[in-house]
């Protein structure tokens, strides 16, 4: 479809802005990840992980960050590929903090990307494995990368303004996957309207 081609081009532009020179596309379109054959995707990712031999793997948590079923599927794939191909590697799940959730709340009505109950997560600072505060140059690159994915982010920037997006996404936070799994719950999901 046309949108799939647009999203692929946007992804390439976004990765280029971040300086990512090696990436592997799975050939799936937005909104179809949860329906993809789990074991086939996991085996494919495990092959890539085996070649790359990472010391750390970063993915969404089981909540999918926003509750999006594609993000939840990616989390499950990455977690299972980690177990299969690199169990000794560190596995980190992206999360949000109490501070982020409080700052986001006034904007929920203007642009709500957290559409499952219990989101955004309110992870206590003491439970974070990594809290990465980006410098101005890194945030600039991140903003360019986000804007490169215009079909997904134009509404975000229009509703919130670049200054607010820059402020909120200048810190990235992660928990150890084994800690998050110990507190696992069933997450609601939402789907992109076809």
C-alpha atoms as a PDB file:
ATOM      1  CA  UNK A   1       0.000   0.000   0.000  1.00  0.00           C
ATOM      2  CA  UNK A   2       0.985   3.623  -0.393  1.00  0.00           C
ATOM      3  CA  UNK A   3       1.101   4.243   3.374  1.00  0.00           C
ATOM      4  CA  UNK A   4       3.400   1.260   3.884  1.00  0.00           C
ATOM      5  CA  UNK A   5       5.841   2.715   1.330  1.00  0.00           C
ATOM      6  CA  UNK A   6       5.625   6.139   2.990  1.00  0.00           C
ATOM      7  CA  UNK A   7       6.310   4.656   6.425  1.00  0.00           C
ATOM      8  CA  UNK A   8       9.284   2.690   5.126  1.00  0.00           C
ATOM      9  CA  UNK A   9      10.821   5.816   3.570  1.00  0.00           C
ATOM     10  CA  UNK A  10      10.158   7.768   6.752  1.00  0.00           C
ATOM     11  CA  UNK A  11      11.838   5.052   8.792  1.00  0.00           C
ATOM     12  CA  UNK A  12      14.945   5.163   6.596  1.00  0.00           C
ATOM     13  CA  UNK A  13      15.115   8.963   6.965  1.00  0.00           C
ATOM     14  CA  UNK A  14      14.637   8.705  10.726  1.00  0.00           C
ATOM     15  CA  UNK A  15      17.390   6.107  11.124  1.00  0.00           C
ATOM     16  CA  UNK A  16      19.729   8.194   8.950  1.00  0.00           C
ATOM     17  CA  UNK A  17      19.143  11.203  11.224  1.00  0.00           C
ATOM     18  CA  UNK A  18      20.265   9.075  14.158  1.00  0.00           C
ATOM     19  CA  UNK A  19      23.297   7.698  12.322  1.00  0.00           C
ATOM     20  CA  UNK A  20      21.975   4.123  12.268  1.00  0.00           C
ATOM     21  CA  UNK A  21      23.622   2.402   9.319  1.00  0.00           C
ATOM     22  CA  UNK A  22      22.597  -1.210   9.947  1.00  0.00           C
ATOM     23  CA  UNK A  23      18.969  -2.198  10.239  1.00  0.00           C
ATOM     24  CA  UNK A  24      16.733  -5.063   9.199  1.00  0.00           C
ATOM     25  CA  UNK A  25      13.127  -4.657   8.095  1.00  0.00           C
ATOM     26  CA  UNK A  26      10.653  -7.463   8.710  1.00  0.00           C
ATOM     27  CA  UNK A  27       8.308  -6.599   5.850  1.00  0.00           C
ATOM     28  CA  UNK A  28       5.322  -6.036   8.143  1.00  0.00           C
ATOM     29  CA  UNK A  29       3.000  -3.068   7.865  1.00  0.00           C
ATOM     30  CA  UNK A  30       1.706  -0.896  10.674  1.00  0.00           C
ATOM     31  CA  UNK A  31      -1.151  -2.513  12.543  1.00  0.00           C
ATOM     32  CA  UNK A  32      -0.338  -6.097  11.487  1.00  0.00           C
ATOM     33  CA  UNK A  33       2.431  -7.123  13.893  1.00  0.00           C
ATOM     34  CA  UNK A  34       0.195  -8.858  16.429  1.00  0.00           C
ATOM     35  CA  UNK A  35      -1.210 -11.080  13.666  1.00  0.00           C
ATOM     36  CA  UNK A  36       2.236 -12.111  12.357  1.00  0.00           C
ATOM     37  CA  UNK A  37       3.374 -15.671  13.163  1.00  0.00           C
ATOM     38  CA  UNK A  38       5.201 -15.190  16.474  1.00  0.00           C
ATOM     39  CA  UNK A  39       7.637 -18.099  16.196  1.00  0.00           C
ATOM     40  CA  UNK A  40       8.685 -17.168  12.633  1.00  0.00           C
ATOM     41  CA  UNK A  41       9.475 -13.572  13.623  1.00  0.00           C
ATOM     42  CA  UNK A  42      11.276 -14.670  16.806  1.00  0.00           C
ATOM     43  CA  UNK A  43      13.473 -17.120  14.885  1.00  0.00           C
ATOM     44  CA  UNK A  44      14.309 -14.429  12.321  1.00  0.00           C
ATOM     45  CA  UNK A  45      15.200 -11.939  15.077  1.00  0.00           C
ATOM     46  CA  UNK A  46      17.201 -14.588  16.936  1.00  0.00           C
ATOM     47  CA  UNK A  47      19.290 -15.148  13.800  1.00  0.00           C
ATOM     48  CA  UNK A  48      20.047 -11.414  13.665  1.00  0.00           C
ATOM     49  CA  UNK A  49      20.802 -11.276  17.397  1.00  0.00           C
ATOM     50  CA  UNK A  50      23.124 -14.259  17.011  1.00  0.00           C
ATOM     51  CA  UNK A  51      25.117 -12.453  14.295  1.00  0.00           C
ATOM     52  CA  UNK A  52      25.193  -9.069  16.046  1.00  0.00           C
ATOM     53  CA  UNK A  53      25.983 -10.572  19.476  1.00  0.00           C
ATOM     54  CA  UNK A  54      24.753  -7.541  21.456  1.00  0.00           C
ATOM     55  CA  UNK A  55      25.586  -6.986  25.092  1.00  0.00           C
ATOM     56  CA  UNK A  56      22.281  -5.101  25.536  1.00  0.00           C
ATOM     57  CA  UNK A  57      18.885  -5.364  23.858  1.00  0.00           C
ATOM     58  CA  UNK A  58      16.388  -2.504  24.261  1.00  0.00           C
ATOM     59  CA  UNK A  59      12.691  -2.875  23.495  1.00  0.00           C
ATOM     60  CA  UNK A  60       9.222  -1.946  24.654  1.00  0.00           C
ATOM     61  CA  UNK A  61       7.926  -3.459  27.874  1.00  0.00           C
ATOM     62  CA  UNK A  62       4.961  -5.854  27.770  1.00  0.00           C
ATOM     63  CA  UNK A  63       2.671  -2.805  27.985  1.00  0.00           C
ATOM     64  CA  UNK A  64       4.008  -1.606  24.614  1.00  0.00           C
ATOM     65  CA  UNK A  65       4.664   1.839  26.166  1.00  0.00           C
ATOM     66  CA  UNK A  66       1.358   3.175  24.823  1.00  0.00           C
ATOM     67  CA  UNK A  67      -0.731   0.001  24.842  1.00  0.00           C
ATOM     68  CA  UNK A  68      -0.427  -0.349  21.059  1.00  0.00           C
ATOM     69  CA  UNK A  69      -0.726  -4.013  20.100  1.00  0.00           C
ATOM     70  CA  UNK A  70       2.136  -3.723  17.564  1.00  0.00           C
ATOM     71  CA  UNK A  71       4.431  -2.444  20.325  1.00  0.00           C
ATOM     72  CA  UNK A  72       3.331  -5.268  22.600  1.00  0.00           C
ATOM     73  CA  UNK A  73       4.103  -7.772  19.849  1.00  0.00           C
ATOM     74  CA  UNK A  74       7.575  -6.258  19.349  1.00  0.00           C
ATOM     75  CA  UNK A  75       8.229  -6.602  23.083  1.00  0.00           C
ATOM     76  CA  UNK A  76       7.251 -10.265  23.031  1.00  0.00           C
ATOM     77  CA  UNK A  77       9.376 -10.950  19.940  1.00  0.00           C
ATOM     78  CA  UNK A  78      12.454  -9.201  21.330  1.00  0.00           C
ATOM     79  CA  UNK A  79      12.070 -10.899  24.710  1.00  0.00           C
ATOM     80  CA  UNK A  80      11.793 -14.347  23.171  1.00  0.00           C
ATOM     81  CA  UNK A  81      14.648 -13.687  20.706  1.00  0.00           C
ATOM     82  CA  UNK A  82      16.790 -12.586  23.655  1.00  0.00           C
ATOM     83  CA  UNK A  83      16.016 -15.835  25.488  1.00  0.00           C
ATOM     84  CA  UNK A  84      16.724 -17.895  22.376  1.00  0.00           C
ATOM     85  CA  UNK A  85      19.871 -16.215  21.036  1.00  0.00           C
ATOM     86  CA  UNK A  86      21.491 -14.069  23.743  1.00  0.00           C
ATOM     87  CA  UNK A  87      20.251 -14.938  27.245  1.00  0.00           C
ATOM     88  CA  UNK A  88      23.442 -13.488  28.732  1.00  0.00           C
ATOM     89  CA  UNK A  89      22.788 -10.065  27.169  1.00  0.00           C
ATOM     90  CA  UNK A  90      21.105  -7.375  29.219  1.00  0.00           C
ATOM     91  CA  UNK A  91      17.425  -6.907  28.262  1.00  0.00           C
ATOM     92  CA  UNK A  92      15.953  -3.471  28.972  1.00  0.00           C
ATOM     93  CA  UNK A  93      12.350  -2.353  28.645  1.00  0.00           C
ATOM     94  CA  UNK A  94      11.537   1.285  27.943  1.00  0.00           C
ATOM     95  CA  UNK A  95       9.353   2.822  30.634  1.00  0.00           C
ATOM     96  CA  UNK A  96       7.972   6.098  31.879  1.00  0.00           C
ATOM     97  CA  UNK A  97       8.238   7.545  35.354  1.00  0.00           C
ATOM     98  CA  UNK A  98       5.884   9.134  37.852  1.00  0.00           C
ATOM     99  CA  UNK A  99       7.372  12.503  36.921  1.00  0.00           C
ATOM    100  CA  UNK A 100       6.679  11.931  33.237  1.00  0.00           C
ATOM    101  CA  UNK A 101       3.113  10.786  33.921  1.00  0.00           C
ATOM    102  CA  UNK A 102       2.390  13.889  35.997  1.00  0.00           C
ATOM    103  CA  UNK A 103       3.858  16.174  33.332  1.00  0.00           C
ATOM    104  CA  UNK A 104       1.885  14.383  30.587  1.00  0.00           C
ATOM    105  CA  UNK A 105      -1.503  14.457  32.323  1.00  0.00           C
ATOM    106  CA  UNK A 106      -2.477  18.038  31.353  1.00  0.00           C
ATOM    107  CA  UNK A 107      -1.850  17.162  27.683  1.00  0.00           C
ATOM    108  CA  UNK A 108      -3.836  13.930  27.672  1.00  0.00           C
ATOM    109  CA  UNK A 109      -6.879  15.654  26.190  1.00  0.00           C
ATOM    110  CA  UNK A 110      -4.876  17.429  23.451  1.00  0.00           C
ATOM    111  CA  UNK A 111      -2.996  14.348  22.292  1.00  0.00           C
ATOM    112  CA  UNK A 112      -3.488  11.066  24.107  1.00  0.00           C
ATOM    113  CA  UNK A 113      -1.178   8.345  22.911  1.00  0.00           C
ATOM    114  CA  UNK A 114      -1.593   6.309  26.107  1.00  0.00           C
ATOM    115  CA  UNK A 115      -4.838   4.519  25.370  1.00  0.00           C
ATOM    116  CA  UNK A 116      -4.751   1.520  27.681  1.00  0.00           C
ATOM    117  CA  UNK A 117      -5.701   1.638  31.337  1.00  0.00           C
ATOM    118  CA  UNK A 118      -2.732   2.126  33.643  1.00  0.00           C
ATOM    119  CA  UNK A 119      -0.637   4.019  31.095  1.00  0.00           C
ATOM    120  CA  UNK A 120       1.648   5.854  31.042  1.00  0.00           C
ATOM    121  CA  UNK A 121       3.529   3.749  33.542  1.00  0.00           C
ATOM    122  CA  UNK A 122       4.580   5.450  36.764  1.00  0.00           C
ATOM    123  CA  UNK A 123       7.848   3.628  37.383  1.00  0.00           C
ATOM    124  CA  UNK A 124       9.529   4.847  40.584  1.00  0.00           C
ATOM    125  CA  UNK A 125      13.008   6.304  40.027  1.00  0.00           C
ATOM    126  CA  UNK A 126      14.479   3.714  42.402  1.00  0.00           C
ATOM    127  CA  UNK A 127      13.358   0.937  40.015  1.00  0.00           C
ATOM    128  CA  UNK A 128      15.099   2.369  36.947  1.00  0.00           C
ATOM    129  CA  UNK A 129      18.053   0.450  35.534  1.00  0.00           C
ATOM    130  CA  UNK A 130      18.996   3.295  33.177  1.00  0.00           C
ATOM    131  CA  UNK A 131      18.032   6.959  33.155  1.00  0.00           C
ATOM    132  CA  UNK A 132      19.545   8.618  30.126  1.00  0.00           C
ATOM    133  CA  UNK A 133      19.426  12.413  30.027  1.00  0.00           C
ATOM    134  CA  UNK A 134      20.162  13.497  26.470  1.00  0.00           C
ATOM    135  CA  UNK A 135      22.313  16.533  25.768  1.00  0.00           C
ATOM    136  CA  UNK A 136      21.043  19.267  23.438  1.00  0.00           C
ATOM    137  CA  UNK A 137      22.716  17.749  20.351  1.00  0.00           C
ATOM    138  CA  UNK A 138      21.200  14.324  21.001  1.00  0.00           C
ATOM    139  CA  UNK A 139      17.748  15.856  21.537  1.00  0.00           C
ATOM    140  CA  UNK A 140      18.126  17.777  18.247  1.00  0.00           C
ATOM    141  CA  UNK A 141      18.872  14.501  16.433  1.00  0.00           C
ATOM    142  CA  UNK A 142      15.929  12.835  18.153  1.00  0.00           C
ATOM    143  CA  UNK A 143      13.576  15.652  17.109  1.00  0.00           C
ATOM    144  CA  UNK A 144      14.790  15.401  13.503  1.00  0.00           C
ATOM    145  CA  UNK A 145      14.285  11.614  13.638  1.00  0.00           C
ATOM    146  CA  UNK A 146      10.773  12.033  15.041  1.00  0.00           C
ATOM    147  CA  UNK A 147       9.851  14.663  12.462  1.00  0.00           C
ATOM    148  CA  UNK A 148      11.143  12.353   9.698  1.00  0.00           C
ATOM    149  CA  UNK A 149       8.265  10.033  10.606  1.00  0.00           C
ATOM    150  CA  UNK A 150       5.741  12.722   9.723  1.00  0.00           C
ATOM    151  CA  UNK A 151       2.828  10.378   9.067  1.00  0.00           C
ATOM    152  CA  UNK A 152       3.011   9.350  12.723  1.00  0.00           C
ATOM    153  CA  UNK A 153       4.293  12.460  14.516  1.00  0.00           C
ATOM    154  CA  UNK A 154       2.823  15.534  12.797  1.00  0.00           C
ATOM    155  CA  UNK A 155      -0.206  15.439  15.103  1.00  0.00           C
ATOM    156  CA  UNK A 156       2.008  15.157  18.167  1.00  0.00           C
ATOM    157  CA  UNK A 157       4.026  18.240  17.261  1.00  0.00           C
ATOM    158  CA  UNK A 158       0.910  20.173  16.233  1.00  0.00           C
ATOM    159  CA  UNK A 159      -0.935  19.401  19.466  1.00  0.00           C
ATOM    160  CA  UNK A 160       1.917  19.830  21.922  1.00  0.00           C
ATOM    161  CA  UNK A 161       4.516  22.023  20.243  1.00  0.00           C
ATOM    162  CA  UNK A 162       8.160  21.191  19.708  1.00  0.00           C
ATOM    163  CA  UNK A 163       9.339  22.684  23.009  1.00  0.00           C
ATOM    164  CA  UNK A 164       7.124  20.358  25.039  1.00  0.00           C
ATOM    165  CA  UNK A 165       8.044  17.311  22.942  1.00  0.00           C
ATOM    166  CA  UNK A 166      11.716  18.232  23.308  1.00  0.00           C
ATOM    167  CA  UNK A 167      11.379  18.574  27.075  1.00  0.00           C
ATOM    168  CA  UNK A 168       9.486  15.349  27.642  1.00  0.00           C
ATOM    169  CA  UNK A 169      11.578  13.157  25.377  1.00  0.00           C
ATOM    170  CA  UNK A 170      14.949  14.506  26.495  1.00  0.00           C
ATOM    171  CA  UNK A 171      15.099  11.758  29.117  1.00  0.00           C
ATOM    172  CA  UNK A 172      14.850   8.064  28.342  1.00  0.00           C
ATOM    173  CA  UNK A 173      14.209   5.554  31.098  1.00  0.00           C
ATOM    174  CA  UNK A 174      14.494   1.776  31.209  1.00  0.00           C
ATOM    175  CA  UNK A 175      13.946  -1.085  33.623  1.00  0.00           C
ATOM    176  CA  UNK A 176      15.556  -4.504  33.678  1.00  0.00           C
ATOM    177  CA  UNK A 177      13.225  -6.891  31.865  1.00  0.00           C
ATOM    178  CA  UNK A 178      13.353  -9.501  34.618  1.00  0.00           C
ATOM    179  CA  UNK A 179      12.134  -6.884  37.122  1.00  0.00           C
ATOM    180  CA  UNK A 180       9.284  -5.816  34.842  1.00  0.00           C
ATOM    181  CA  UNK A 181       8.259  -9.408  34.154  1.00  0.00           C
ATOM    182  CA  UNK A 182       8.119 -10.087  37.902  1.00  0.00           C
ATOM    183  CA  UNK A 183       5.460  -7.362  38.133  1.00  0.00           C
ATOM    184  CA  UNK A 184       3.674  -8.384  34.937  1.00  0.00           C
ATOM    185  CA  UNK A 185      -0.008  -7.711  34.507  1.00  0.00           C
ATOM    186  CA  UNK A 186      -2.436  -8.170  31.659  1.00  0.00           C
ATOM    187  CA  UNK A 187      -2.399  -5.056  29.493  1.00  0.00           C
ATOM    188  CA  UNK A 188      -5.232  -3.741  27.451  1.00  0.00           C
ATOM    189  CA  UNK A 189      -4.468  -3.028  23.817  1.00  0.00           C
ATOM    190  CA  UNK A 190      -5.628  -0.648  21.169  1.00  0.00           C
ATOM    191  CA  UNK A 191      -5.518  -1.040  17.426  1.00  0.00           C
ATOM    192  CA  UNK A 192      -4.980   1.396  14.611  1.00  0.00           C
ATOM    193  CA  UNK A 193      -8.220   1.867  12.711  1.00  0.00           C
ATOM    194  CA  UNK A 194      -7.890   0.223   9.302  1.00  0.00           C
END
